Amino acid sequence: MITIVLYFGQEAWDGPTTLHEMLDIPAGLKGHVNDYRPLLVEVRNSELKLHNDDNIDLFGMLRIALDRNRPSAETRKLLIRYADEHDPSRDVLMVVYSIIGVKMDYDRFEREGGNMRTVFDDVYEEGRDEGRAQEIIGIYREQGLSDEGILIKLQTRLDVSLDRAKELLAGKQLAYKS
């Protein structure tokens, strides 16, 4: 039996490195449980040699997505280019989106022919709105503007509906949907 720990975090692994450290083993049983170091794979900087196309695509896209040393717009372009060149499976995309926190309507994605560019453009625009909204909200809160006033500012400055402005004010993220 081989134990492999796949770590998808952005920072270096600082967790337990042995089986005994990972498990809460009662003192009376500890002597009966072999202790060993599982194989730790930090996805963001892994040099694994993979042979399965889905695994190659999964790790390839995650290396791009989890690298925080570049602007998000560049990451978006690199992910689109990767998807255009490698045509990852729907399952791989679902795992990548889940790990990086992207919510999307997979039925719509498939109806549109699995176009990565559309998905990332929508997600990028939504994220950009959320970042700008937090900035706008912070400025007007400091000025003592009411929530109603902030909603009007969000609608005007971001060109969004009242419902979307309310979601942004509440800090909610929209799922990718039609």
N, C-alpha and C. Protein backbone atom coordinates (compact mmCIF):
# COMPACT_ATOMS: atom_id res chain seq x y z
N MET A 1 0.85 -1.16 0.00
CA MET A 1 0.00 0.00 0.00
C MET A 1 0.90 1.23 0.00
N ILE A 2 0.53 2.22 -0.82
CA ILE A 2 1.26 3.47 -0.90
C ILE A 2 0.28 4.59 -0.54
N THR A 3 0.69 5.48 0.35
CA THR A 3 -0.14 6.62 0.70
C THR A 3 0.43 7.85 0.01
N ILE A 4 -0.43 8.54 -0.73
CA ILE A 4 -0.03 9.75 -1.44
C ILE A 4 -0.91 10.89 -0.94
N VAL A 5 -0.29 12.00 -0.58
CA VAL A 5 -1.01 13.20 -0.17
C VAL A 5 -0.89 14.20 -1.31
N LEU A 6 -2.02 14.55 -1.92
CA LEU A 6 -2.05 15.58 -2.96
C LEU A 6 -2.42 16.90 -2.29
N TYR A 7 -1.52 17.85 -2.33
CA TYR A 7 -1.74 19.14 -1.68
C TYR A 7 -1.93 20.19 -2.76
N PHE A 8 -3.10 20.86 -2.72
CA PHE A 8 -3.46 21.84 -3.74
C PHE A 8 -3.28 23.28 -3.27
N GLY A 9 -2.67 23.49 -2.12
CA GLY A 9 -2.53 24.84 -1.56
C GLY A 9 -1.57 25.71 -2.34
N GLN A 10 -1.68 27.01 -2.09
CA GLN A 10 -0.82 27.98 -2.75
C GLN A 10 0.50 28.16 -2.02
N GLU A 11 0.51 27.92 -0.73
CA GLU A 11 1.72 28.05 0.09
C GLU A 11 2.39 26.67 0.21
N ALA A 12 3.66 26.69 0.62
CA ALA A 12 4.37 25.43 0.81
C ALA A 12 3.70 24.62 1.92
N TRP A 13 3.74 23.31 1.81
CA TRP A 13 3.14 22.40 2.79
C TRP A 13 3.81 22.61 4.14
N ASP A 14 3.00 22.81 5.18
CA ASP A 14 3.56 22.93 6.52
C ASP A 14 2.82 22.01 7.49
N GLY A 15 2.16 21.01 6.94
CA GLY A 15 1.39 20.07 7.75
C GLY A 15 2.22 18.88 8.17
N PRO A 16 1.54 17.87 8.71
CA PRO A 16 2.24 16.67 9.18
C PRO A 16 2.92 15.94 8.02
N THR A 17 4.03 15.28 8.35
CA THR A 17 4.78 14.58 7.30
C THR A 17 4.89 13.08 7.53
N THR A 18 4.37 12.60 8.66
CA THR A 18 4.38 11.16 8.90
C THR A 18 2.97 10.70 9.21
N LEU A 19 2.75 9.42 9.07
CA LEU A 19 1.42 8.86 9.33
C LEU A 19 0.99 9.12 10.77
N HIS A 20 1.89 8.93 11.73
CA HIS A 20 1.56 9.17 13.14
C HIS A 20 1.17 10.62 13.38
N GLU A 21 1.83 11.55 12.69
CA GLU A 21 1.48 12.97 12.84
C GLU A 21 0.11 13.27 12.22
N MET A 22 -0.28 12.53 11.19
CA MET A 22 -1.54 12.77 10.50
C MET A 22 -2.75 12.21 11.24
N LEU A 23 -2.53 11.15 12.01
CA LEU A 23 -3.64 10.46 12.66
C LEU A 23 -3.65 10.71 14.17
N ASP A 24 -4.82 10.71 14.72
CA ASP A 24 -4.97 10.82 16.18
C ASP A 24 -5.07 9.40 16.72
N ILE A 25 -3.92 8.81 17.00
CA ILE A 25 -3.85 7.41 17.40
C ILE A 25 -3.80 7.33 18.92
N PRO A 26 -4.72 6.58 19.54
CA PRO A 26 -4.65 6.41 21.00
C PRO A 26 -3.31 5.78 21.39
N ALA A 27 -2.79 6.22 22.53
CA ALA A 27 -1.47 5.78 22.99
C ALA A 27 -1.34 4.26 23.01
N GLY A 28 -2.40 3.56 23.42
CA GLY A 28 -2.35 2.10 23.51
C GLY A 28 -2.23 1.41 22.16
N LEU A 29 -2.63 2.08 21.07
CA LEU A 29 -2.56 1.49 19.73
C LEU A 29 -1.36 1.95 18.93
N LYS A 30 -0.71 3.03 19.37
CA LYS A 30 0.35 3.65 18.59
C LYS A 30 1.45 2.64 18.22
N GLY A 31 1.79 1.75 19.12
CA GLY A 31 2.84 0.76 18.85
C GLY A 31 2.44 -0.25 17.79
N HIS A 32 1.16 -0.38 17.49
CA HIS A 32 0.67 -1.34 16.50
C HIS A 32 0.44 -0.73 15.12
N VAL A 33 0.60 0.60 15.02
CA VAL A 33 0.39 1.29 13.74
C VAL A 33 1.75 1.71 13.21
N ASN A 34 2.11 1.14 12.05
CA ASN A 34 3.38 1.49 11.44
C ASN A 34 3.42 2.98 11.13
N ASP A 35 4.56 3.59 11.36
CA ASP A 35 4.74 5.00 11.05
C ASP A 35 5.62 5.11 9.81
N TYR A 36 5.20 5.89 8.86
CA TYR A 36 6.00 6.11 7.66
C TYR A 36 5.66 7.46 7.06
N ARG A 37 6.47 7.88 6.12
CA ARG A 37 6.25 9.15 5.43
C ARG A 37 5.50 8.88 4.13
N PRO A 38 4.26 9.41 4.02
CA PRO A 38 3.54 9.29 2.75
C PRO A 38 4.24 10.13 1.68
N LEU A 39 3.97 9.83 0.44
CA LEU A 39 4.49 10.62 -0.67
C LEU A 39 3.68 11.91 -0.72
N LEU A 40 4.34 13.04 -0.57
CA LEU A 40 3.68 14.35 -0.60
C LEU A 40 3.87 14.96 -1.98
N VAL A 41 2.75 15.27 -2.64
CA VAL A 41 2.80 15.90 -3.96
C VAL A 41 2.18 17.29 -3.82
N GLU A 42 3.02 18.32 -3.93
CA GLU A 42 2.53 19.69 -3.93
C GLU A 42 2.25 20.05 -5.39
N VAL A 43 0.97 20.08 -5.74
CA VAL A 43 0.56 20.23 -7.13
C VAL A 43 1.14 21.47 -7.78
N ARG A 44 1.22 22.57 -7.04
CA ARG A 44 1.66 23.84 -7.62
C ARG A 44 3.09 23.79 -8.16
N ASN A 45 3.91 22.87 -7.66
CA ASN A 45 5.29 22.80 -8.15
C ASN A 45 5.77 21.36 -8.35
N SER A 46 4.85 20.48 -8.66
CA SER A 46 5.19 19.06 -8.82
C SER A 46 5.89 18.80 -10.15
N GLU A 47 6.86 17.93 -10.11
CA GLU A 47 7.57 17.50 -11.32
C GLU A 47 7.26 16.03 -11.63
N LEU A 48 6.08 15.57 -11.25
CA LEU A 48 5.71 14.19 -11.51
C LEU A 48 5.71 13.90 -13.00
N LYS A 49 6.10 12.72 -13.37
CA LYS A 49 6.04 12.27 -14.76
C LYS A 49 4.75 11.46 -14.89
N LEU A 50 3.76 12.05 -15.52
CA LEU A 50 2.44 11.42 -15.64
C LEU A 50 2.26 10.86 -17.04
N HIS A 51 1.43 9.80 -17.14
CA HIS A 51 1.22 9.16 -18.43
C HIS A 51 -0.25 9.20 -18.86
N ASN A 52 -1.15 9.43 -17.95
CA ASN A 52 -2.57 9.50 -18.25
C ASN A 52 -2.90 10.94 -18.67
N ASP A 53 -3.57 11.11 -19.82
CA ASP A 53 -3.86 12.45 -20.34
C ASP A 53 -4.64 13.31 -19.35
N ASP A 54 -5.62 12.73 -18.66
CA ASP A 54 -6.40 13.51 -17.69
C ASP A 54 -5.51 14.01 -16.55
N ASN A 55 -4.63 13.16 -16.06
CA ASN A 55 -3.72 13.59 -14.99
C ASN A 55 -2.75 14.66 -15.47
N ILE A 56 -2.26 14.49 -16.68
CA ILE A 56 -1.35 15.49 -17.25
C ILE A 56 -2.07 16.83 -17.34
N ASP A 57 -3.30 16.83 -17.85
CA ASP A 57 -4.06 18.07 -17.97
C ASP A 57 -4.40 18.67 -16.61
N LEU A 58 -4.81 17.81 -15.68
CA LEU A 58 -5.16 18.28 -14.34
C LEU A 58 -3.97 19.00 -13.70
N PHE A 59 -2.82 18.34 -13.67
CA PHE A 59 -1.64 18.94 -13.04
C PHE A 59 -1.15 20.14 -13.84
N GLY A 60 -1.23 20.07 -15.16
CA GLY A 60 -0.81 21.20 -15.99
C GLY A 60 -1.64 22.45 -15.72
N MET A 61 -2.96 22.28 -15.65
CA MET A 61 -3.83 23.44 -15.40
C MET A 61 -3.69 23.94 -13.97
N LEU A 62 -3.52 23.03 -13.02
CA LEU A 62 -3.39 23.46 -11.63
C LEU A 62 -2.07 24.19 -11.39
N ARG A 63 -1.00 23.77 -12.06
CA ARG A 63 0.28 24.50 -11.93
C ARG A 63 0.08 25.96 -12.36
N ILE A 64 -0.69 26.14 -13.43
CA ILE A 64 -0.96 27.50 -13.91
C ILE A 64 -1.85 28.24 -12.92
N ALA A 65 -2.96 27.62 -12.54
CA ALA A 65 -3.96 28.29 -11.71
C ALA A 65 -3.46 28.62 -10.31
N LEU A 66 -2.59 27.79 -9.74
CA LEU A 66 -2.15 27.97 -8.36
C LEU A 66 -0.89 28.84 -8.23
N ASP A 67 -0.32 29.25 -9.34
CA ASP A 67 0.87 30.11 -9.30
C ASP A 67 0.41 31.55 -9.09
N ARG A 68 0.63 32.07 -7.90
CA ARG A 68 0.17 33.43 -7.56
C ARG A 68 1.24 34.48 -7.84
N ASN A 69 2.27 34.14 -8.59
CA ASN A 69 3.33 35.10 -8.90
C ASN A 69 3.05 35.87 -10.19
N ARG A 70 1.84 35.78 -10.71
CA ARG A 70 1.50 36.52 -11.92
C ARG A 70 0.11 37.12 -11.74
N PRO A 71 -0.19 38.16 -12.50
CA PRO A 71 -1.53 38.77 -12.42
C PRO A 71 -2.60 37.78 -12.87
N SER A 72 -3.81 37.94 -12.32
CA SER A 72 -4.89 37.01 -12.65
C SER A 72 -5.25 37.05 -14.12
N ALA A 73 -5.12 38.19 -14.77
CA ALA A 73 -5.43 38.28 -16.20
C ALA A 73 -4.47 37.40 -17.01
N GLU A 74 -3.20 37.37 -16.61
CA GLU A 74 -2.23 36.52 -17.30
C GLU A 74 -2.52 35.05 -17.04
N THR A 75 -2.88 34.71 -15.80
CA THR A 75 -3.25 33.34 -15.46
C THR A 75 -4.42 32.89 -16.32
N ARG A 76 -5.41 33.75 -16.44
CA ARG A 76 -6.59 33.46 -17.27
C ARG A 76 -6.18 33.15 -18.70
N LYS A 77 -5.31 33.97 -19.27
CA LYS A 77 -4.85 33.76 -20.65
C LYS A 77 -4.10 32.43 -20.79
N LEU A 78 -3.26 32.13 -19.80
CA LEU A 78 -2.50 30.88 -19.85
C LEU A 78 -3.42 29.66 -19.74
N LEU A 79 -4.45 29.74 -18.89
CA LEU A 79 -5.40 28.64 -18.77
C LEU A 79 -6.19 28.44 -20.07
N ILE A 80 -6.59 29.53 -20.68
CA ILE A 80 -7.31 29.44 -21.97
C ILE A 80 -6.41 28.83 -23.03
N ARG A 81 -5.16 29.29 -23.09
CA ARG A 81 -4.22 28.74 -24.07
C ARG A 81 -4.00 27.25 -23.84
N TYR A 82 -3.84 26.87 -22.57
CA TYR A 82 -3.65 25.46 -22.25
C TYR A 82 -4.85 24.64 -22.73
N ALA A 83 -6.04 25.12 -22.41
CA ALA A 83 -7.26 24.40 -22.80
C ALA A 83 -7.41 24.33 -24.32
N ASP A 84 -7.07 25.41 -25.02
CA ASP A 84 -7.14 25.40 -26.48
C ASP A 84 -6.17 24.39 -27.09
N GLU A 85 -4.99 24.29 -26.50
CA GLU A 85 -3.96 23.39 -27.04
C GLU A 85 -4.15 21.94 -26.64
N HIS A 86 -4.72 21.68 -25.46
CA HIS A 86 -4.78 20.32 -24.93
C HIS A 86 -6.18 19.72 -24.86
N ASP A 87 -7.21 20.54 -24.97
CA ASP A 87 -8.60 20.08 -24.93
C ASP A 87 -8.87 19.13 -23.75
N PRO A 88 -8.72 19.64 -22.52
CA PRO A 88 -8.95 18.78 -21.35
C PRO A 88 -10.39 18.29 -21.27
N SER A 89 -10.59 17.16 -20.62
CA SER A 89 -11.92 16.58 -20.49
C SER A 89 -12.78 17.40 -19.53
N ARG A 90 -14.06 17.19 -19.61
CA ARG A 90 -15.02 17.86 -18.72
C ARG A 90 -14.69 17.54 -17.27
N ASP A 91 -14.34 16.30 -16.99
CA ASP A 91 -14.01 15.90 -15.61
C ASP A 91 -12.81 16.68 -15.07
N VAL A 92 -11.79 16.85 -15.91
CA VAL A 92 -10.62 17.61 -15.49
C VAL A 92 -11.02 19.05 -15.19
N LEU A 93 -11.81 19.64 -16.08
CA LEU A 93 -12.24 21.02 -15.87
C LEU A 93 -13.05 21.16 -14.58
N MET A 94 -13.91 20.19 -14.31
CA MET A 94 -14.71 20.24 -13.08
C MET A 94 -13.81 20.23 -11.84
N VAL A 95 -12.79 19.39 -11.86
CA VAL A 95 -11.87 19.32 -10.71
C VAL A 95 -11.09 20.62 -10.58
N VAL A 96 -10.58 21.14 -11.70
CA VAL A 96 -9.81 22.39 -11.66
C VAL A 96 -10.68 23.52 -11.13
N TYR A 97 -11.89 23.65 -11.67
CA TYR A 97 -12.78 24.72 -11.23
C TYR A 97 -13.10 24.59 -9.75
N SER A 98 -13.31 23.37 -9.30
CA SER A 98 -13.63 23.15 -7.89
C SER A 98 -12.46 23.57 -7.00
N ILE A 99 -11.26 23.20 -7.38
CA ILE A 99 -10.08 23.51 -6.57
C ILE A 99 -9.81 25.01 -6.53
N ILE A 100 -9.99 25.69 -7.66
CA ILE A 100 -9.70 27.13 -7.66
C ILE A 100 -10.92 27.96 -7.28
N GLY A 101 -12.03 27.29 -6.95
CA GLY A 101 -13.19 28.01 -6.42
C GLY A 101 -14.08 28.66 -7.45
N VAL A 102 -14.08 28.16 -8.67
CA VAL A 102 -14.95 28.71 -9.72
C VAL A 102 -16.24 27.91 -9.74
N LYS A 103 -17.37 28.63 -9.67
CA LYS A 103 -18.66 27.97 -9.77
C LYS A 103 -19.18 28.20 -11.18
N MET A 104 -19.68 27.16 -11.79
CA MET A 104 -20.17 27.33 -13.16
C MET A 104 -21.29 26.36 -13.47
N ASP A 105 -22.04 26.69 -14.50
CA ASP A 105 -23.13 25.87 -15.00
C ASP A 105 -22.55 24.96 -16.09
N TYR A 106 -22.27 23.69 -15.75
CA TYR A 106 -21.62 22.79 -16.70
C TYR A 106 -22.50 22.47 -17.90
N ASP A 107 -23.82 22.47 -17.71
CA ASP A 107 -24.71 22.23 -18.85
C ASP A 107 -24.57 23.35 -19.87
N ARG A 108 -24.51 24.59 -19.41
CA ARG A 108 -24.32 25.72 -20.33
C ARG A 108 -22.96 25.62 -21.01
N PHE A 109 -21.96 25.27 -20.23
CA PHE A 109 -20.62 25.12 -20.78
C PHE A 109 -20.63 24.14 -21.95
N GLU A 110 -21.31 23.01 -21.76
CA GLU A 110 -21.37 22.01 -22.83
C GLU A 110 -22.24 22.47 -24.01
N ARG A 111 -23.33 23.18 -23.73
CA ARG A 111 -24.18 23.71 -24.80
C ARG A 111 -23.39 24.67 -25.69
N GLU A 112 -22.45 25.37 -25.09
CA GLU A 112 -21.64 26.33 -25.85
C GLU A 112 -20.40 25.68 -26.44
N GLY A 113 -20.40 24.36 -26.47
CA GLY A 113 -19.31 23.64 -27.12
C GLY A 113 -18.05 23.51 -26.29
N GLY A 114 -18.17 23.64 -24.98
CA GLY A 114 -17.00 23.48 -24.12
C GLY A 114 -15.97 24.56 -24.34
N ASN A 115 -16.43 25.77 -24.59
CA ASN A 115 -15.52 26.87 -24.89
C ASN A 115 -14.93 27.46 -23.62
N MET A 116 -13.65 27.19 -23.38
CA MET A 116 -12.96 27.70 -22.20
C MET A 116 -12.91 29.22 -22.19
N ARG A 117 -12.77 29.80 -23.34
CA ARG A 117 -12.65 31.26 -23.43
C ARG A 117 -13.88 31.93 -22.84
N THR A 118 -15.06 31.42 -23.17
CA THR A 118 -16.31 31.98 -22.64
C THR A 118 -16.36 31.84 -21.13
N VAL A 119 -16.02 30.67 -20.63
CA VAL A 119 -16.06 30.42 -19.19
C VAL A 119 -15.13 31.37 -18.46
N PHE A 120 -13.88 31.45 -18.89
CA PHE A 120 -12.93 32.29 -18.18
C PHE A 120 -13.21 33.77 -18.36
N ASP A 121 -13.75 34.16 -19.51
CA ASP A 121 -14.13 35.57 -19.67
C ASP A 121 -15.21 35.93 -18.68
N ASP A 122 -16.24 35.09 -18.54
CA ASP A 122 -17.32 35.35 -17.60
C ASP A 122 -16.80 35.37 -16.17
N VAL A 123 -15.99 34.40 -15.81
CA VAL A 123 -15.46 34.30 -14.45
C VAL A 123 -14.55 35.48 -14.16
N TYR A 124 -13.73 35.86 -15.13
CA TYR A 124 -12.81 36.98 -14.96
C TYR A 124 -13.59 38.27 -14.75
N GLU A 125 -14.61 38.50 -15.57
CA GLU A 125 -15.41 39.72 -15.43
C GLU A 125 -16.11 39.75 -14.09
N GLU A 126 -16.65 38.61 -13.66
CA GLU A 126 -17.33 38.54 -12.37
C GLU A 126 -16.35 38.84 -11.25
N GLY A 127 -15.16 38.27 -11.30
CA GLY A 127 -14.15 38.52 -10.28
C GLY A 127 -13.69 39.96 -10.27
N ARG A 128 -13.58 40.54 -11.46
CA ARG A 128 -13.18 41.94 -11.56
C ARG A 128 -14.24 42.83 -10.92
N ASP A 129 -15.52 42.55 -11.21
CA ASP A 129 -16.62 43.30 -10.58
C ASP A 129 -16.56 43.18 -9.06
N GLU A 130 -16.31 41.97 -8.56
CA GLU A 130 -16.27 41.77 -7.11
C GLU A 130 -15.13 42.54 -6.48
N GLY A 131 -13.97 42.55 -7.12
CA GLY A 131 -12.83 43.30 -6.59
C GLY A 131 -13.10 44.79 -6.59
N ARG A 132 -13.62 45.30 -7.69
CA ARG A 132 -13.94 46.73 -7.77
C ARG A 132 -15.05 47.08 -6.79
N ALA A 133 -16.03 46.19 -6.63
CA ALA A 133 -17.14 46.45 -5.71
C ALA A 133 -16.62 46.62 -4.29
N GLN A 134 -15.71 45.76 -3.86
CA GLN A 134 -15.18 45.86 -2.50
C GLN A 134 -14.45 47.18 -2.29
N GLU A 135 -13.75 47.62 -3.32
CA GLU A 135 -13.06 48.90 -3.27
C GLU A 135 -14.07 50.05 -3.13
N ILE A 136 -15.11 50.03 -3.96
CA ILE A 136 -16.15 51.06 -3.94
C ILE A 136 -16.87 51.07 -2.60
N ILE A 137 -17.23 49.88 -2.13
CA ILE A 137 -17.94 49.77 -0.85
C ILE A 137 -17.09 50.35 0.28
N GLY A 138 -15.80 50.02 0.29
CA GLY A 138 -14.90 50.52 1.33
C GLY A 138 -14.81 52.04 1.34
N ILE A 139 -14.69 52.62 0.16
CA ILE A 139 -14.58 54.08 0.05
C ILE A 139 -15.84 54.76 0.58
N TYR A 140 -16.99 54.29 0.12
CA TYR A 140 -18.24 54.96 0.51
C TYR A 140 -18.65 54.66 1.95
N ARG A 141 -18.24 53.53 2.48
CA ARG A 141 -18.50 53.26 3.91
C ARG A 141 -17.69 54.22 4.76
N GLU A 142 -16.43 54.44 4.36
CA GLU A 142 -15.59 55.40 5.09
C GLU A 142 -16.21 56.79 5.08
N GLN A 143 -16.89 57.12 3.99
CA GLN A 143 -17.53 58.43 3.88
C GLN A 143 -18.88 58.47 4.59
N GLY A 144 -19.32 57.33 5.14
CA GLY A 144 -20.56 57.29 5.89
C GLY A 144 -21.81 57.16 5.04
N LEU A 145 -21.66 56.76 3.78
CA LEU A 145 -22.82 56.60 2.90
C LEU A 145 -23.64 55.39 3.34
N SER A 146 -24.94 55.48 3.27
CA SER A 146 -25.83 54.38 3.64
C SER A 146 -25.73 53.24 2.62
N ASP A 147 -26.22 52.07 3.02
CA ASP A 147 -26.24 50.93 2.09
C ASP A 147 -27.03 51.25 0.83
N GLU A 148 -28.13 51.98 0.98
CA GLU A 148 -28.94 52.36 -0.19
C GLU A 148 -28.12 53.22 -1.15
N GLY A 149 -27.36 54.15 -0.58
CA GLY A 149 -26.50 55.01 -1.40
C GLY A 149 -25.40 54.21 -2.07
N ILE A 150 -24.82 53.26 -1.33
CA ILE A 150 -23.76 52.42 -1.90
C ILE A 150 -24.32 51.57 -3.04
N LEU A 151 -25.55 51.06 -2.88
CA LEU A 151 -26.17 50.28 -3.96
C LEU A 151 -26.27 51.10 -5.24
N ILE A 152 -26.65 52.35 -5.11
CA ILE A 152 -26.76 53.23 -6.28
C ILE A 152 -25.39 53.43 -6.91
N LYS A 153 -24.38 53.66 -6.07
CA LYS A 153 -23.00 53.84 -6.58
C LYS A 153 -22.52 52.59 -7.31
N LEU A 154 -22.80 51.41 -6.74
CA LEU A 154 -22.39 50.15 -7.38
C LEU A 154 -23.06 49.99 -8.74
N GLN A 155 -24.36 50.25 -8.80
CA GLN A 155 -25.09 50.13 -10.06
C GLN A 155 -24.49 51.05 -11.11
N THR A 156 -24.21 52.29 -10.72
CA THR A 156 -23.72 53.30 -11.67
C THR A 156 -22.27 53.01 -12.08
N ARG A 157 -21.42 52.77 -11.10
CA ARG A 157 -19.98 52.63 -11.39
C ARG A 157 -19.65 51.32 -12.08
N LEU A 158 -20.41 50.24 -11.77
CA LEU A 158 -20.12 48.93 -12.35
C LEU A 158 -21.08 48.55 -13.48
N ASP A 159 -22.12 49.37 -13.68
CA ASP A 159 -23.14 49.09 -14.69
C ASP A 159 -23.74 47.70 -14.47
N VAL A 160 -24.26 47.49 -13.23
CA VAL A 160 -24.88 46.22 -12.88
C VAL A 160 -26.31 46.46 -12.41
N SER A 161 -27.09 45.40 -12.39
CA SER A 161 -28.48 45.49 -11.94
C SER A 161 -28.53 45.71 -10.43
N LEU A 162 -29.71 46.10 -9.94
CA LEU A 162 -29.89 46.28 -8.50
C LEU A 162 -29.66 44.96 -7.77
N ASP A 163 -30.16 43.85 -8.32
CA ASP A 163 -29.96 42.54 -7.69
C ASP A 163 -28.47 42.20 -7.59
N ARG A 164 -27.73 42.45 -8.66
CA ARG A 164 -26.28 42.16 -8.64
C ARG A 164 -25.57 43.08 -7.64
N ALA A 165 -25.99 44.35 -7.60
CA ALA A 165 -25.39 45.29 -6.64
C ALA A 165 -25.64 44.81 -5.20
N LYS A 166 -26.84 44.29 -4.94
CA LYS A 166 -27.15 43.77 -3.60
C LYS A 166 -26.26 42.57 -3.27
N GLU A 167 -26.04 41.69 -4.25
CA GLU A 167 -25.16 40.53 -4.02
C GLU A 167 -23.73 40.98 -3.74
N LEU A 168 -23.27 41.97 -4.49
CA LEU A 168 -21.92 42.48 -4.28
C LEU A 168 -21.78 43.14 -2.91
N LEU A 169 -22.80 43.89 -2.51
CA LEU A 169 -22.78 44.53 -1.20
C LEU A 169 -22.78 43.49 -0.07
N ALA A 170 -23.51 42.40 -0.31
CA ALA A 170 -23.58 41.33 0.69
C ALA A 170 -22.34 40.43 0.65
N GLY A 171 -21.48 40.64 -0.37
CA GLY A 171 -20.26 39.84 -0.48
C GLY A 171 -20.49 38.48 -1.08
N LYS A 172 -21.61 38.27 -1.76
CA LYS A 172 -21.92 36.98 -2.37
C LYS A 172 -21.33 36.91 -3.75
N GLN A 173 -20.86 35.72 -4.13
CA GLN A 173 -20.36 35.50 -5.48
C GLN A 173 -21.46 34.82 -6.28
N LEU A 174 -21.60 35.22 -7.53
CA LEU A 174 -22.56 34.57 -8.41
C LEU A 174 -21.96 33.33 -9.02
N ALA A 175 -22.76 32.31 -9.19
CA ALA A 175 -22.32 31.13 -9.93
C ALA A 175 -22.36 31.47 -11.41
N TYR A 176 -21.54 30.80 -12.19
CA TYR A 176 -21.54 30.96 -13.63
C TYR A 176 -22.85 30.40 -14.15
N LYS A 177 -23.70 31.25 -14.69
CA LYS A 177 -25.01 30.77 -15.15
C LYS A 177 -25.49 31.60 -16.32
N SER A 178 -26.49 31.07 -17.01
CA SER A 178 -27.03 31.79 -18.17
C SER A 178 -28.03 32.82 -17.73
